[in-house]
Amino acid sequence: MADPTTSILQNATANLHVAMVVRLLDRVVKEVCDSQSSPLTGTRIADYARIDQYMTELESFTEFANKLPEADYPKSHPQPVALDPAMKIPPMDNDSLWLLAQLVDTARFEVANSNSSRSPSGFLPGDYDRWTSYYSDIRRLVSEHMKKATPTDKPESTPTYPLPPRGALGV
């Protein structure tokens, strides 16, 4: 029997569609953690727009892949597709973005370890429903909390953490 303390992290999937969802979720975590708003107590308008774009892309791809007919890969399944290691979420002064990153990271863990991850393609109905509920929770955090309750003035506790790195540069 596998040791549950070492086998719980998923480093591969047998499903290209799951691999893509994990890839998109990983990118959201990176973008949120390194955003211009992460060292602030509120979220900048441009970062709200980017978060909306990330969620739209996730929802669109998940819906697209879910509608595909079942594919038959008798010669290549189960061929593992390596997943990048999950990013460690750094401490940040923006509590709401920290929570958003944690929610996205949790969704990533659930997707990577889902029953659909063992399938050659597509998503099982229960997994699809769970994933879309995660996306809804993330959107609700932004619309029902972040846009209403932040920024807050925290002069005694902010800044606490170092600035994130600058964005990636060209060639």
Protein backbone atom coordinates (compact mmCIF):
# COMPACT_ATOMS: atom_id res chain seq x y z
CA MET A 1 0.00 0.00 0.00
CA ALA A 2 1.29 3.46 -0.90
CA ASP A 3 2.27 5.83 1.87
CA PRO A 4 -0.55 8.44 1.92
CA THR A 5 1.80 11.18 3.10
CA THR A 6 3.91 10.88 -0.03
CA SER A 7 1.42 9.78 -2.68
CA ILE A 8 -1.23 12.47 -2.27
CA LEU A 9 0.45 15.07 -4.51
CA GLN A 10 -0.30 14.55 -8.17
CA ASN A 11 2.68 15.06 -10.48
CA ALA A 12 1.13 13.54 -13.60
CA THR A 13 -2.21 12.90 -15.24
CA ALA A 14 -3.36 10.53 -17.96
CA ASN A 15 -5.75 13.16 -19.36
CA LEU A 16 -4.63 15.99 -21.66
CA HIS A 17 -7.69 18.07 -20.80
CA VAL A 18 -6.98 17.77 -17.08
CA ALA A 19 -3.35 18.70 -17.79
CA MET A 20 -4.54 21.88 -19.52
CA VAL A 21 -6.88 22.85 -16.66
CA VAL A 22 -4.03 22.31 -14.17
CA ARG A 23 -1.74 24.41 -16.37
CA LEU A 24 -4.27 27.25 -16.46
CA LEU A 25 -4.82 27.07 -12.69
CA ASP A 26 -1.05 27.13 -12.09
CA ARG A 27 -0.78 30.24 -14.23
CA VAL A 28 -3.57 31.97 -12.27
CA VAL A 29 -1.76 31.29 -8.98
CA LYS A 30 1.49 32.73 -10.39
CA GLU A 31 -0.21 35.79 -11.85
CA VAL A 32 -2.16 36.52 -8.64
CA CYS A 33 0.83 36.02 -6.34
CA ASP A 34 3.09 38.23 -8.44
CA SER A 35 0.46 40.84 -9.29
CA GLN A 36 0.83 44.56 -8.68
CA SER A 37 -1.85 44.23 -5.99
CA SER A 38 -0.23 41.47 -3.92
CA PRO A 39 1.82 43.89 -1.77
CA LEU A 40 -1.21 46.19 -1.25
CA THR A 41 -4.24 45.90 1.02
CA GLY A 42 -6.56 46.37 -1.94
CA THR A 43 -6.73 45.22 -5.53
CA ARG A 44 -6.01 47.46 -8.50
CA ILE A 45 -8.57 47.78 -11.31
CA ALA A 46 -6.14 46.26 -13.83
CA ASP A 47 -5.67 43.21 -11.61
CA TYR A 48 -9.44 42.77 -11.25
CA ALA A 49 -9.66 42.83 -15.05
CA ARG A 50 -6.90 40.23 -15.34
CA ILE A 51 -8.52 37.98 -12.71
CA ASP A 52 -11.75 38.16 -14.71
CA GLN A 53 -9.84 37.19 -17.88
CA TYR A 54 -8.17 34.24 -16.11
CA MET A 55 -11.50 32.95 -14.86
CA THR A 56 -13.13 33.41 -18.26
CA GLU A 57 -10.34 31.39 -19.88
CA LEU A 58 -10.66 28.61 -17.27
CA GLU A 59 -14.43 28.46 -17.59
CA SER A 60 -14.28 28.55 -21.39
CA PHE A 61 -11.73 25.76 -21.69
CA THR A 62 -13.46 23.58 -19.09
CA GLU A 63 -16.78 24.00 -20.89
CA PHE A 64 -15.17 23.38 -24.30
CA ALA A 65 -13.43 20.17 -23.18
CA ASN A 66 -16.52 18.95 -21.35
CA LYS A 67 -18.57 19.18 -24.57
CA LEU A 68 -16.12 17.14 -26.66
CA PRO A 69 -17.23 13.64 -27.59
CA GLU A 70 -15.48 10.82 -25.76
CA ALA A 71 -12.13 10.15 -27.42
CA ASP A 72 -10.67 6.67 -27.83
CA TYR A 73 -6.89 6.38 -27.29
CA PRO A 74 -6.24 2.62 -27.14
CA LYS A 75 -2.53 2.87 -27.99
CA SER A 76 -1.53 5.89 -25.93
CA HIS A 77 -3.64 5.66 -22.78
CA PRO A 78 -2.51 5.62 -20.03
CA GLN A 79 0.47 7.71 -21.04
CA PRO A 80 1.38 10.00 -18.14
CA VAL A 81 1.52 13.71 -18.85
CA ALA A 82 3.85 15.42 -16.38
CA LEU A 83 2.42 18.29 -14.38
CA ASP A 84 4.60 21.13 -13.16
CA PRO A 85 4.97 21.18 -9.38
CA ALA A 86 2.41 23.39 -7.69
CA MET A 87 3.74 26.82 -6.81
CA LYS A 88 4.25 27.55 -3.13
CA ILE A 89 2.01 30.50 -2.35
CA PRO A 90 4.14 33.22 -0.78
CA PRO A 91 2.99 35.41 2.06
CA MET A 92 1.50 38.66 0.80
CA ASP A 93 -0.04 41.78 2.30
CA ASN A 94 -3.20 41.50 0.20
CA ASP A 95 -5.22 39.09 2.33
CA SER A 96 -7.96 38.72 -0.29
CA LEU A 97 -5.50 37.83 -3.04
CA TRP A 98 -3.81 35.38 -0.68
CA LEU A 99 -7.19 33.67 -0.18
CA LEU A 100 -7.92 33.77 -3.91
CA ALA A 101 -4.55 32.10 -4.61
CA GLN A 102 -5.29 29.46 -1.96
CA LEU A 103 -8.70 28.73 -3.52
CA VAL A 104 -7.19 28.39 -6.98
CA ASP A 105 -4.40 26.18 -5.62
CA THR A 106 -6.98 23.98 -3.85
CA ALA A 107 -8.96 23.69 -7.10
CA ARG A 108 -5.73 22.69 -8.85
CA PHE A 109 -5.11 19.95 -6.29
CA GLU A 110 -8.67 18.65 -6.69
CA VAL A 111 -8.50 18.68 -10.50
CA ALA A 112 -5.09 16.98 -10.62
CA ASN A 113 -6.27 14.26 -8.22
CA SER A 114 -9.73 13.79 -9.72
CA ASN A 115 -11.18 10.65 -11.21
CA SER A 116 -11.14 12.44 -14.58
CA SER A 117 -7.35 12.62 -14.28
CA ARG A 118 -7.23 8.86 -14.81
CA SER A 119 -9.40 9.01 -17.91
CA PRO A 120 -7.86 9.46 -21.38
CA SER A 121 -9.79 12.67 -22.08
CA GLY A 122 -12.75 14.79 -21.07
CA PHE A 123 -14.31 15.16 -17.67
CA LEU A 124 -16.62 12.99 -15.64
CA PRO A 125 -19.89 14.75 -14.72
CA GLY A 126 -19.20 14.91 -10.97
CA ASP A 127 -15.73 16.38 -11.53
CA TYR A 128 -17.03 18.95 -14.01
CA ASP A 129 -19.73 20.05 -11.55
CA ARG A 130 -17.20 20.35 -8.72
CA TRP A 131 -14.77 22.35 -10.84
CA THR A 132 -17.40 24.81 -12.02
CA SER A 133 -18.46 25.28 -8.39
CA TYR A 134 -14.83 26.18 -7.53
CA TYR A 135 -14.82 28.77 -10.31
CA SER A 136 -18.12 30.19 -9.01
CA ASP A 137 -16.70 30.44 -5.49
CA ILE A 138 -13.68 32.34 -6.80
CA ARG A 139 -15.85 34.75 -8.78
CA ARG A 140 -18.08 35.28 -5.73
CA LEU A 141 -15.05 36.06 -3.54
CA VAL A 142 -14.09 38.79 -5.98
CA SER A 143 -17.57 40.26 -6.54
CA GLU A 144 -19.14 39.83 -3.10
CA HIS A 145 -16.15 40.52 -0.88
CA MET A 146 -13.05 41.93 -2.55
CA LYS A 147 -14.77 44.66 -4.56
CA LYS A 148 -16.86 45.67 -1.53
CA ALA A 149 -14.54 45.41 1.47
CA THR A 150 -11.10 46.33 0.19
CA PRO A 151 -8.84 48.23 0.35
CA THR A 152 -8.54 48.61 4.07
CA ASP A 153 -6.15 50.86 5.92
CA LYS A 154 -3.67 48.77 7.92
CA PRO A 155 -0.88 51.18 8.80
CA GLU A 156 0.48 49.13 11.69
CA SER A 157 0.77 45.82 9.82
CA THR A 158 1.47 46.80 6.23
CA PRO A 159 3.89 46.52 4.57
CA THR A 160 4.98 43.21 6.05
CA TYR A 161 6.29 41.21 3.10
CA PRO A 162 8.74 42.01 0.30
CA LEU A 163 7.56 43.15 -3.10
CA PRO A 164 6.93 40.40 -5.69
CA PRO A 165 9.34 40.08 -8.62
CA ARG A 166 8.84 42.14 -11.76
CA GLY A 167 6.97 40.58 -14.65
CA ALA A 168 8.75 38.39 -17.19
CA LEU A 169 10.67 40.32 -19.81
CA GLY A 170 10.96 39.65 -23.55
CA VAL A 171 13.45 37.59 -25.48
